[in-house]
Protein backbone atom coordinates (compact mmCIF):
# COMPACT_ATOMS: atom_id res chain seq x y z
CA UNK A 1 0.00 0.00 0.00
CA UNK A 2 1.36 3.46 -0.78
CA UNK A 3 2.55 5.86 1.84
CA UNK A 4 0.36 8.87 2.48
CA UNK A 5 1.82 12.31 2.98
CA UNK A 6 -0.05 14.49 5.46
CA UNK A 7 0.60 18.15 6.06
CA UNK A 8 1.46 19.15 9.59
CA UNK A 9 -2.06 20.45 10.33
CA UNK A 10 -3.46 17.17 9.06
CA UNK A 11 -1.05 15.14 11.20
CA UNK A 12 -2.03 17.23 14.23
CA UNK A 13 -5.71 16.68 13.53
CA UNK A 14 -5.24 12.93 13.12
CA UNK A 15 -3.21 12.73 16.31
CA UNK A 16 -5.95 14.58 18.23
CA UNK A 17 -8.57 12.19 16.84
CA UNK A 18 -6.52 9.22 18.02
CA UNK A 19 -5.83 10.76 21.43
CA UNK A 20 -9.54 11.51 21.91
CA UNK A 21 -10.36 7.85 21.28
CA UNK A 22 -12.43 8.59 18.18
CA UNK A 23 -10.06 6.42 16.13
CA UNK A 24 -7.48 3.84 17.09
CA UNK A 25 -4.89 4.71 14.45
CA UNK A 26 -4.09 6.58 11.25
CA UNK A 27 -5.55 3.81 9.08
CA UNK A 28 -8.96 4.19 10.71
CA UNK A 29 -8.92 7.95 10.11
CA UNK A 30 -7.95 7.48 6.47
CA UNK A 31 -10.67 4.84 5.94
CA UNK A 32 -13.27 7.16 7.50
CA UNK A 33 -12.20 9.94 5.15
CA UNK A 34 -12.41 7.68 2.12
CA UNK A 35 -15.88 6.48 3.19
CA UNK A 36 -17.01 10.11 3.33
CA UNK A 37 -15.67 10.75 -0.15
CA UNK A 38 -17.37 7.61 -1.44
CA UNK A 39 -20.65 8.71 0.13
CA UNK A 40 -20.26 12.13 -1.40
CA UNK A 41 -19.84 10.86 -4.93
CA UNK A 42 -22.34 8.04 -4.62
CA UNK A 43 -19.78 5.29 -5.07
CA UNK A 44 -20.69 3.57 -1.85
CA UNK A 45 -24.35 3.30 -2.84
CA UNK A 46 -23.29 2.03 -6.26
CA UNK A 47 -21.15 -0.75 -4.80
CA UNK A 48 -23.87 -1.74 -2.32
CA UNK A 49 -26.40 -1.90 -5.14
CA UNK A 50 -23.95 -3.87 -7.28
CA UNK A 51 -23.44 -6.39 -4.47
CA UNK A 52 -27.22 -6.73 -4.01
CA UNK A 53 -27.70 -7.30 -7.73
CA UNK A 54 -24.92 -9.89 -7.85
CA UNK A 55 -26.49 -11.73 -4.92
CA UNK A 56 -29.94 -11.63 -6.54
CA UNK A 57 -28.52 -12.93 -9.83
CA UNK A 58 -26.75 -15.78 -8.05
CA UNK A 59 -29.96 -16.70 -6.21
CA UNK A 60 -31.96 -16.61 -9.45
CA UNK A 61 -29.39 -18.79 -11.22
CA UNK A 62 -29.64 -21.25 -8.32
CA UNK A 63 -33.40 -21.43 -8.86
CA UNK A 64 -34.46 -19.27 -5.92
CA UNK A 65 -37.05 -17.17 -7.72
CA UNK A 66 -40.77 -16.99 -8.37
CA UNK A 67 -42.30 -16.54 -11.79
CA UNK A 68 -43.65 -13.05 -12.38
CA UNK A 69 -47.18 -12.73 -13.73
CA UNK A 70 -47.43 -9.28 -15.28
CA UNK A 71 -51.19 -9.63 -15.89
CA UNK A 72 -51.84 -10.42 -12.24
CA UNK A 73 -49.56 -7.60 -11.13
CA UNK A 74 -51.09 -4.92 -13.34
CA UNK A 75 -54.19 -6.21 -15.13
CA UNK A 76 -55.24 -2.74 -16.38
CA UNK A 77 -52.15 -2.57 -18.53
CA UNK A 78 -53.47 -5.45 -20.60
CA UNK A 79 -57.01 -4.13 -21.15
CA UNK A 80 -57.63 -3.04 -24.69
PDB file of N, CA and C in Angstrom:
ATOM      1  N   UNK A   1       0.851  -1.177   0.000  1.00  0.00           N
ATOM      2  CA  UNK A   1       0.000   0.000   0.000  1.00  0.00           C
ATOM      3  C   UNK A   1       0.894   1.237   0.000  1.00  0.00           C
ATOM      4  N   UNK A   2       0.502   2.266  -0.705  1.00  0.00           N
ATOM      5  CA  UNK A   2       1.359   3.456  -0.777  1.00  0.00           C
ATOM      6  C   UNK A   2       1.374   4.240   0.534  1.00  0.00           C
ATOM      7  N   UNK A   3       2.461   4.949   0.704  1.00  0.00           N
ATOM      8  CA  UNK A   3       2.551   5.856   1.844  1.00  0.00           C
ATOM      9  C   UNK A   3       1.684   7.071   1.561  1.00  0.00           C
ATOM     10  N   UNK A   4       1.194   7.684   2.616  1.00  0.00           N
ATOM     11  CA  UNK A   4       0.356   8.869   2.480  1.00  0.00           C
ATOM     12  C   UNK A   4       1.079  10.034   3.145  1.00  0.00           C
ATOM     13  N   UNK A   5       1.206  11.123   2.408  1.00  0.00           N
ATOM     14  CA  UNK A   5       1.820  12.315   2.979  1.00  0.00           C
ATOM     15  C   UNK A   5       0.723  13.199   3.549  1.00  0.00           C
ATOM     16  N   UNK A   6       0.878  13.576   4.808  1.00  0.00           N
ATOM     17  CA  UNK A   6      -0.051  14.491   5.460  1.00  0.00           C
ATOM     18  C   UNK A   6       0.682  15.766   5.820  1.00  0.00           C
ATOM     19  N   UNK A   7       0.018  16.883   5.623  1.00  0.00           N
ATOM     20  CA  UNK A   7       0.602  18.151   6.060  1.00  0.00           C
ATOM     21  C   UNK A   7       0.632  18.167   7.579  1.00  0.00           C
ATOM     22  N   UNK A   8       1.364  19.075   8.132  1.00  0.00           N
ATOM     23  CA  UNK A   8       1.462  19.153   9.592  1.00  0.00           C
ATOM     24  C   UNK A   8       0.096  19.380  10.243  1.00  0.00           C
ATOM     25  N   UNK A   9      -0.742  20.301   9.723  1.00  0.00           N
ATOM     26  CA  UNK A   9      -2.064  20.451  10.330  1.00  0.00           C
ATOM     27  C   UNK A   9      -2.891  19.163  10.261  1.00  0.00           C
ATOM     28  N   UNK A  10      -2.745  18.437   9.163  1.00  0.00           N
ATOM     29  CA  UNK A  10      -3.465  17.166   9.057  1.00  0.00           C
ATOM     30  C   UNK A  10      -2.953  16.153  10.070  1.00  0.00           C
ATOM     31  N   UNK A  11      -1.632  16.069  10.210  1.00  0.00           N
ATOM     32  CA  UNK A  11      -1.054  15.144  11.201  1.00  0.00           C
ATOM     33  C   UNK A  11      -1.525  15.491  12.595  1.00  0.00           C
ATOM     34  N   UNK A  12      -1.560  16.793  12.904  1.00  0.00           N
ATOM     35  CA  UNK A  12      -2.027  17.228  14.227  1.00  0.00           C
ATOM     36  C   UNK A  12      -3.486  16.831  14.442  1.00  0.00           C
ATOM     37  N   UNK A  13      -4.294  17.028  13.428  1.00  0.00           N
ATOM     38  CA  UNK A  13      -5.713  16.677  13.532  1.00  0.00           C
ATOM     39  C   UNK A  13      -5.877  15.174  13.764  1.00  0.00           C
ATOM     40  N   UNK A  14      -5.161  14.387  12.971  1.00  0.00           N
ATOM     41  CA  UNK A  14      -5.245  12.930  13.119  1.00  0.00           C
ATOM     42  C   UNK A  14      -4.805  12.516  14.517  1.00  0.00           C
ATOM     43  N   UNK A  15      -3.714  13.075  14.976  1.00  0.00           N
ATOM     44  CA  UNK A  15      -3.211  12.732  16.311  1.00  0.00           C
ATOM     45  C   UNK A  15      -4.244  13.063  17.386  1.00  0.00           C
ATOM     46  N   UNK A  16      -4.916  14.201  17.260  1.00  0.00           N
ATOM     47  CA  UNK A  16      -5.950  14.576  18.234  1.00  0.00           C
ATOM     48  C   UNK A  16      -7.134  13.621  18.177  1.00  0.00           C
ATOM     49  N   UNK A  17      -7.484  13.166  16.975  1.00  0.00           N
ATOM     50  CA  UNK A  17      -8.574  12.195  16.839  1.00  0.00           C
ATOM     51  C   UNK A  17      -8.217  10.883  17.531  1.00  0.00           C
ATOM     52  N   UNK A  18      -6.971  10.454  17.383  1.00  0.00           N
ATOM     53  CA  UNK A  18      -6.518   9.220  18.018  1.00  0.00           C
ATOM     54  C   UNK A  18      -6.472   9.390  19.536  1.00  0.00           C
ATOM     55  N   UNK A  19      -5.920  10.508  19.989  1.00  0.00           N
ATOM     56  CA  UNK A  19      -5.834  10.760  21.434  1.00  0.00           C
ATOM     57  C   UNK A  19      -7.204  10.862  22.086  1.00  0.00           C
ATOM     58  N   UNK A  20      -8.195  11.366  21.347  1.00  0.00           N
ATOM     59  CA  UNK A  20      -9.540  11.505  21.907  1.00  0.00           C
ATOM     60  C   UNK A  20     -10.265  10.164  21.980  1.00  0.00           C
ATOM     61  N   UNK A  21      -9.721   9.160  21.287  1.00  0.00           N
ATOM     62  CA  UNK A  21     -10.359   7.851  21.277  1.00  0.00           C
ATOM     63  C   UNK A  21     -11.347   7.669  20.141  1.00  0.00           C
ATOM     64  N   UNK A  22     -11.499   8.691  19.311  1.00  0.00           N
ATOM     65  CA  UNK A  22     -12.427   8.586  18.183  1.00  0.00           C
ATOM     66  C   UNK A  22     -11.955   7.527  17.186  1.00  0.00           C
ATOM     67  N   UNK A  23     -10.655   7.404  17.033  1.00  0.00           N
ATOM     68  CA  UNK A  23     -10.064   6.422  16.131  1.00  0.00           C
ATOM     69  C   UNK A  23      -8.872   5.789  16.831  1.00  0.00           C
ATOM     70  N   UNK A  24      -8.581   4.554  16.455  1.00  0.00           N
ATOM     71  CA  UNK A  24      -7.476   3.840  17.095  1.00  0.00           C
ATOM     72  C   UNK A  24      -6.134   4.160  16.455  1.00  0.00           C
ATOM     73  N   UNK A  25      -6.154   4.484  15.144  1.00  0.00           N
ATOM     74  CA  UNK A  25      -4.889   4.714  14.450  1.00  0.00           C
ATOM     75  C   UNK A  25      -5.126   5.495  13.157  1.00  0.00           C
ATOM     76  N   UNK A  26      -4.029   5.802  12.497  1.00  0.00           N
ATOM     77  CA  UNK A  26      -4.090   6.575  11.251  1.00  0.00           C
ATOM     78  C   UNK A  26      -4.919   5.868  10.188  1.00  0.00           C
ATOM     79  N   UNK A  27      -4.800   4.551  10.092  1.00  0.00           N
ATOM     80  CA  UNK A  27      -5.547   3.813   9.076  1.00  0.00           C
ATOM     81  C   UNK A  27      -7.048   3.997   9.243  1.00  0.00           C
ATOM     82  N   UNK A  28      -7.529   3.990  10.479  1.00  0.00           N
ATOM     83  CA  UNK A  28      -8.960   4.195  10.711  1.00  0.00           C
ATOM     84  C   UNK A  28      -9.402   5.578  10.263  1.00  0.00           C
ATOM     85  N   UNK A  29      -8.585   6.582  10.517  1.00  0.00           N
ATOM     86  CA  UNK A  29      -8.920   7.950  10.112  1.00  0.00           C
ATOM     87  C   UNK A  29      -8.967   8.035   8.586  1.00  0.00           C
ATOM     88  N   UNK A  30      -7.988   7.448   7.932  1.00  0.00           N
ATOM     89  CA  UNK A  30      -7.947   7.484   6.467  1.00  0.00           C
ATOM     90  C   UNK A  30      -9.159   6.758   5.891  1.00  0.00           C
ATOM     91  N   UNK A  31      -9.503   5.580   6.436  1.00  0.00           N
ATOM     92  CA  UNK A  31     -10.669   4.844   5.940  1.00  0.00           C
ATOM     93  C   UNK A  31     -11.948   5.655   6.123  1.00  0.00           C
ATOM     94  N   UNK A  32     -12.079   6.335   7.265  1.00  0.00           N
ATOM     95  CA  UNK A  32     -13.266   7.158   7.500  1.00  0.00           C
ATOM     96  C   UNK A  32     -13.350   8.283   6.467  1.00  0.00           C
ATOM     97  N   UNK A  33     -12.220   8.877   6.157  1.00  0.00           N
ATOM     98  CA  UNK A  33     -12.203   9.935   5.153  1.00  0.00           C
ATOM     99  C   UNK A  33     -12.576   9.424   3.773  1.00  0.00           C
ATOM    100  N   UNK A  34     -12.084   8.255   3.421  1.00  0.00           N
ATOM    101  CA  UNK A  34     -12.411   7.683   2.117  1.00  0.00           C
ATOM    102  C   UNK A  34     -13.887   7.313   2.060  1.00  0.00           C
ATOM    103  N   UNK A  35     -14.448   6.788   3.167  1.00  0.00           N
ATOM    104  CA  UNK A  35     -15.882   6.480   3.188  1.00  0.00           C
ATOM    105  C   UNK A  35     -16.705   7.746   2.952  1.00  0.00           C
ATOM    106  N   UNK A  36     -16.296   8.855   3.548  1.00  0.00           N
ATOM    107  CA  UNK A  36     -17.014  10.113   3.329  1.00  0.00           C
ATOM    108  C   UNK A  36     -16.955  10.538   1.872  1.00  0.00           C
ATOM    109  N   UNK A  37     -15.796  10.404   1.260  1.00  0.00           N
ATOM    110  CA  UNK A  37     -15.669  10.751  -0.153  1.00  0.00           C
ATOM    111  C   UNK A  37     -16.534   9.834  -1.007  1.00  0.00           C
ATOM    112  N   UNK A  38     -16.543   8.550  -0.684  1.00  0.00           N
ATOM    113  CA  UNK A  38     -17.368   7.610  -1.441  1.00  0.00           C
ATOM    114  C   UNK A  38     -18.847   7.953  -1.293  1.00  0.00           C
ATOM    115  N   UNK A  39     -19.261   8.308  -0.083  1.00  0.00           N
ATOM    116  CA  UNK A  39     -20.653   8.710   0.126  1.00  0.00           C
ATOM    117  C   UNK A  39     -20.972   9.954  -0.688  1.00  0.00           C
ATOM    118  N   UNK A  40     -20.039  10.871  -0.698  1.00  0.00           N
ATOM    119  CA  UNK A  40     -20.259  12.128  -1.405  1.00  0.00           C
ATOM    120  C   UNK A  40     -20.476  11.909  -2.892  1.00  0.00           C
ATOM    121  N   UNK A  41     -19.700  11.042  -3.481  1.00  0.00           N
ATOM    122  CA  UNK A  41     -19.835  10.864  -4.930  1.00  0.00           C
ATOM    123  C   UNK A  41     -20.737   9.697  -5.308  1.00  0.00           C
ATOM    124  N   UNK A  42     -21.366   9.093  -4.341  1.00  0.00           N
ATOM    125  CA  UNK A  42     -22.337   8.041  -4.620  1.00  0.00           C
ATOM    126  C   UNK A  42     -21.725   6.677  -4.867  1.00  0.00           C
ATOM    127  N   UNK A  43     -20.428   6.566  -4.781  1.00  0.00           N
ATOM    128  CA  UNK A  43     -19.779   5.291  -5.066  1.00  0.00           C
ATOM    129  C   UNK A  43     -20.194   4.216  -4.079  1.00  0.00           C
ATOM    130  N   UNK A  44     -20.342   4.580  -2.857  1.00  0.00           N
ATOM    131  CA  UNK A  44     -20.694   3.571  -1.854  1.00  0.00           C
ATOM    132  C   UNK A  44     -22.060   2.963  -2.167  1.00  0.00           C
ATOM    133  N   UNK A  45     -23.022   3.800  -2.501  1.00  0.00           N
ATOM    134  CA  UNK A  45     -24.347   3.302  -2.843  1.00  0.00           C
ATOM    135  C   UNK A  45     -24.275   2.428  -4.094  1.00  0.00           C
ATOM    136  N   UNK A  46     -23.447   2.813  -5.040  1.00  0.00           N
ATOM    137  CA  UNK A  46     -23.286   2.026  -6.255  1.00  0.00           C
ATOM    138  C   UNK A  46     -22.770   0.630  -5.929  1.00  0.00           C
ATOM    139  N   UNK A  47     -21.730   0.552  -5.109  1.00  0.00           N
ATOM    140  CA  UNK A  47     -21.147  -0.747  -4.797  1.00  0.00           C
ATOM    141  C   UNK A  47     -22.084  -1.602  -3.951  1.00  0.00           C
ATOM    142  N   UNK A  48     -22.875  -0.978  -3.074  1.00  0.00           N
ATOM    143  CA  UNK A  48     -23.868  -1.739  -2.318  1.00  0.00           C
ATOM    144  C   UNK A  48     -24.947  -2.282  -3.245  1.00  0.00           C
ATOM    145  N   UNK A  49     -25.410  -1.452  -4.176  1.00  0.00           N
ATOM    146  CA  UNK A  49     -26.400  -1.902  -5.143  1.00  0.00           C
ATOM    147  C   UNK A  49     -25.828  -3.016  -6.015  1.00  0.00           C
ATOM    148  N   UNK A  50     -24.600  -2.853  -6.450  1.00  0.00           N
ATOM    149  CA  UNK A  50     -23.950  -3.874  -7.278  1.00  0.00           C
ATOM    150  C   UNK A  50     -23.878  -5.196  -6.529  1.00  0.00           C
ATOM    151  N   UNK A  51     -23.515  -5.160  -5.264  1.00  0.00           N
ATOM    152  CA  UNK A  51     -23.440  -6.389  -4.466  1.00  0.00           C
ATOM    153  C   UNK A  51     -24.816  -7.025  -4.327  1.00  0.00           C
ATOM    154  N   UNK A  52     -25.849  -6.211  -4.104  1.00  0.00           N
ATOM    155  CA  UNK A  52     -27.216  -6.732  -4.008  1.00  0.00           C
ATOM    156  C   UNK A  52     -27.645  -7.385  -5.313  1.00  0.00           C
ATOM    157  N   UNK A  53     -27.329  -6.746  -6.436  1.00  0.00           N
ATOM    158  CA  UNK A  53     -27.699  -7.303  -7.734  1.00  0.00           C
ATOM    159  C   UNK A  53     -26.955  -8.604  -8.024  1.00  0.00           C
ATOM    160  N   UNK A  54     -25.688  -8.664  -7.651  1.00  0.00           N
ATOM    161  CA  UNK A  54     -24.919  -9.892  -7.854  1.00  0.00           C
ATOM    162  C   UNK A  54     -25.489 -11.032  -7.015  1.00  0.00           C
ATOM    163  N   UNK A  55     -25.892 -10.719  -5.788  1.00  0.00           N
ATOM    164  CA  UNK A  55     -26.495 -11.730  -4.922  1.00  0.00           C
ATOM    165  C   UNK A  55     -27.829 -12.202  -5.499  1.00  0.00           C
ATOM    166  N   UNK A  56     -28.646 -11.275  -5.962  1.00  0.00           N
ATOM    167  CA  UNK A  56     -29.941 -11.633  -6.539  1.00  0.00           C
ATOM    168  C   UNK A  56     -29.753 -12.487  -7.793  1.00  0.00           C
ATOM    169  N   UNK A  57     -28.788 -12.147  -8.621  1.00  0.00           N
ATOM    170  CA  UNK A  57     -28.525 -12.929  -9.826  1.00  0.00           C
ATOM    171  C   UNK A  57     -28.074 -14.339  -9.466  1.00  0.00           C
ATOM    172  N   UNK A  58     -27.220 -14.455  -8.469  1.00  0.00           N
ATOM    173  CA  UNK A  58     -26.753 -15.779  -8.047  1.00  0.00           C
ATOM    174  C   UNK A  58     -27.912 -16.610  -7.505  1.00  0.00           C
ATOM    175  N   UNK A  59     -28.803 -15.989  -6.734  1.00  0.00           N
ATOM    176  CA  UNK A  59     -29.964 -16.703  -6.208  1.00  0.00           C
ATOM    177  C   UNK A  59     -30.887 -17.143  -7.336  1.00  0.00           C
ATOM    178  N   UNK A  60     -31.093 -16.267  -8.316  1.00  0.00           N
ATOM    179  CA  UNK A  60     -31.956 -16.614  -9.449  1.00  0.00           C
ATOM    180  C   UNK A  60     -31.355 -17.760 -10.257  1.00  0.00           C
ATOM    181  N   UNK A  61     -30.051 -17.719 -10.473  1.00  0.00           N
ATOM    182  CA  UNK A  61     -29.389 -18.792 -11.217  1.00  0.00           C
ATOM    183  C   UNK A  61     -29.460 -20.117 -10.473  1.00  0.00           C
ATOM    184  N   UNK A  62     -29.538 -20.044  -9.137  1.00  0.00           N
ATOM    185  CA  UNK A  62     -29.637 -21.252  -8.324  1.00  0.00           C
ATOM    186  C   UNK A  62     -31.084 -21.737  -8.232  1.00  0.00           C
ATOM    187  N   UNK A  63     -32.003 -21.015  -8.854  1.00  0.00           N
ATOM    188  CA  UNK A  63     -33.403 -21.428  -8.861  1.00  0.00           C
ATOM    189  C   UNK A  63     -34.248 -20.818  -7.765  1.00  0.00           C
ATOM    190  N   UNK A  64     -33.715 -19.904  -7.017  1.00  0.00           N
ATOM    191  CA  UNK A  64     -34.459 -19.271  -5.920  1.00  0.00           C
ATOM    192  C   UNK A  64     -35.194 -18.036  -6.439  1.00  0.00           C
ATOM    193  N   UNK A  65     -36.259 -18.291  -7.203  1.00  0.00           N
ATOM    194  CA  UNK A  65     -37.050 -17.175  -7.719  1.00  0.00           C
ATOM    195  C   UNK A  65     -38.477 -17.646  -7.929  1.00  0.00           C
ATOM    196  N   UNK A  66     -39.368 -16.691  -8.072  1.00  0.00           N
ATOM    197  CA  UNK A  66     -40.767 -16.989  -8.368  1.00  0.00           C
ATOM    198  C   UNK A  66     -41.085 -16.380  -9.727  1.00  0.00           C
ATOM    199  N   UNK A  67     -41.897 -17.064 -10.486  1.00  0.00           N
ATOM    200  CA  UNK A  67     -42.297 -16.541 -11.786  1.00  0.00           C
ATOM    201  C   UNK A  67     -43.128 -15.277 -11.588  1.00  0.00           C
ATOM    202  N   UNK A  68     -42.940 -14.318 -12.466  1.00  0.00           N
ATOM    203  CA  UNK A  68     -43.651 -13.052 -12.377  1.00  0.00           C
ATOM    204  C   UNK A  68     -44.798 -13.055 -13.380  1.00  0.00           C
ATOM    205  N   UNK A  69     -45.989 -12.785 -12.873  1.00  0.00           N
ATOM    206  CA  UNK A  69     -47.178 -12.730 -13.729  1.00  0.00           C
ATOM    207  C   UNK A  69     -47.560 -11.267 -13.900  1.00  0.00           C
ATOM    208  N   UNK A  70     -47.179 -10.707 -15.034  1.00  0.00           N
ATOM    209  CA  UNK A  70     -47.431  -9.282 -15.280  1.00  0.00           C
ATOM    210  C   UNK A  70     -48.925  -8.976 -15.302  1.00  0.00           C
ATOM    211  N   UNK A  71     -49.736  -9.864 -15.839  1.00  0.00           N
ATOM    212  CA  UNK A  71     -51.188  -9.633 -15.891  1.00  0.00           C
ATOM    213  C   UNK A  71     -51.786  -9.585 -14.492  1.00  0.00           C
ATOM    214  N   UNK A  72     -51.327 -10.425 -13.610  1.00  0.00           N
ATOM    215  CA  UNK A  72     -51.840 -10.416 -12.237  1.00  0.00           C
ATOM    216  C   UNK A  72     -51.337  -9.181 -11.478  1.00  0.00           C
ATOM    217  N   UNK A  73     -50.145  -8.754 -11.809  1.00  0.00           N
ATOM    218  CA  UNK A  73     -49.561  -7.598 -11.126  1.00  0.00           C
ATOM    219  C   UNK A  73     -50.236  -6.298 -11.544  1.00  0.00           C
ATOM    220  N   UNK A  74     -50.490  -6.148 -12.835  1.00  0.00           N
ATOM    221  CA  UNK A  74     -51.087  -4.916 -13.343  1.00  0.00           C
ATOM    222  C   UNK A  74     -52.069  -5.250 -14.460  1.00  0.00           C
ATOM    223  N   UNK A  75     -53.245  -5.750 -14.102  1.00  0.00           N
ATOM    224  CA  UNK A  75     -54.191  -6.210 -15.132  1.00  0.00           C
ATOM    225  C   UNK A  75     -54.667  -5.092 -16.051  1.00  0.00           C
ATOM    226  N   UNK A  76     -54.757  -3.847 -15.544  1.00  0.00           N
ATOM    227  CA  UNK A  76     -55.244  -2.742 -16.378  1.00  0.00           C
ATOM    228  C   UNK A  76     -54.325  -2.471 -17.557  1.00  0.00           C
ATOM    229  N   UNK A  77     -53.096  -2.814 -17.441  1.00  0.00           N
ATOM    230  CA  UNK A  77     -52.147  -2.566 -18.525  1.00  0.00           C
ATOM    231  C   UNK A  77     -52.448  -3.451 -19.740  1.00  0.00           C
ATOM    232  N   UNK A  78     -53.212  -4.512 -19.516  1.00  0.00           N
ATOM    233  CA  UNK A  78     -53.471  -5.448 -20.603  1.00  0.00           C
ATOM    234  C   UNK A  78     -54.890  -5.317 -21.159  1.00  0.00           C
ATOM    235  N   UNK A  79     -55.663  -4.374 -20.614  1.00  0.00           N
ATOM    236  CA  UNK A  79     -57.014  -4.131 -21.150  1.00  0.00           C
ATOM    237  C   UNK A  79     -56.900  -3.346 -22.442  1.00  0.00           C
ATOM    238  N   UNK A  80     -57.665  -3.753 -23.407  1.00  0.00           N
ATOM    239  CA  UNK A  80     -57.627  -3.044 -24.692  1.00  0.00           C
ATOM    240  C   UNK A  80     -58.875  -2.266 -24.903  1.00  0.00           C
TER     241      UNK A  80
END
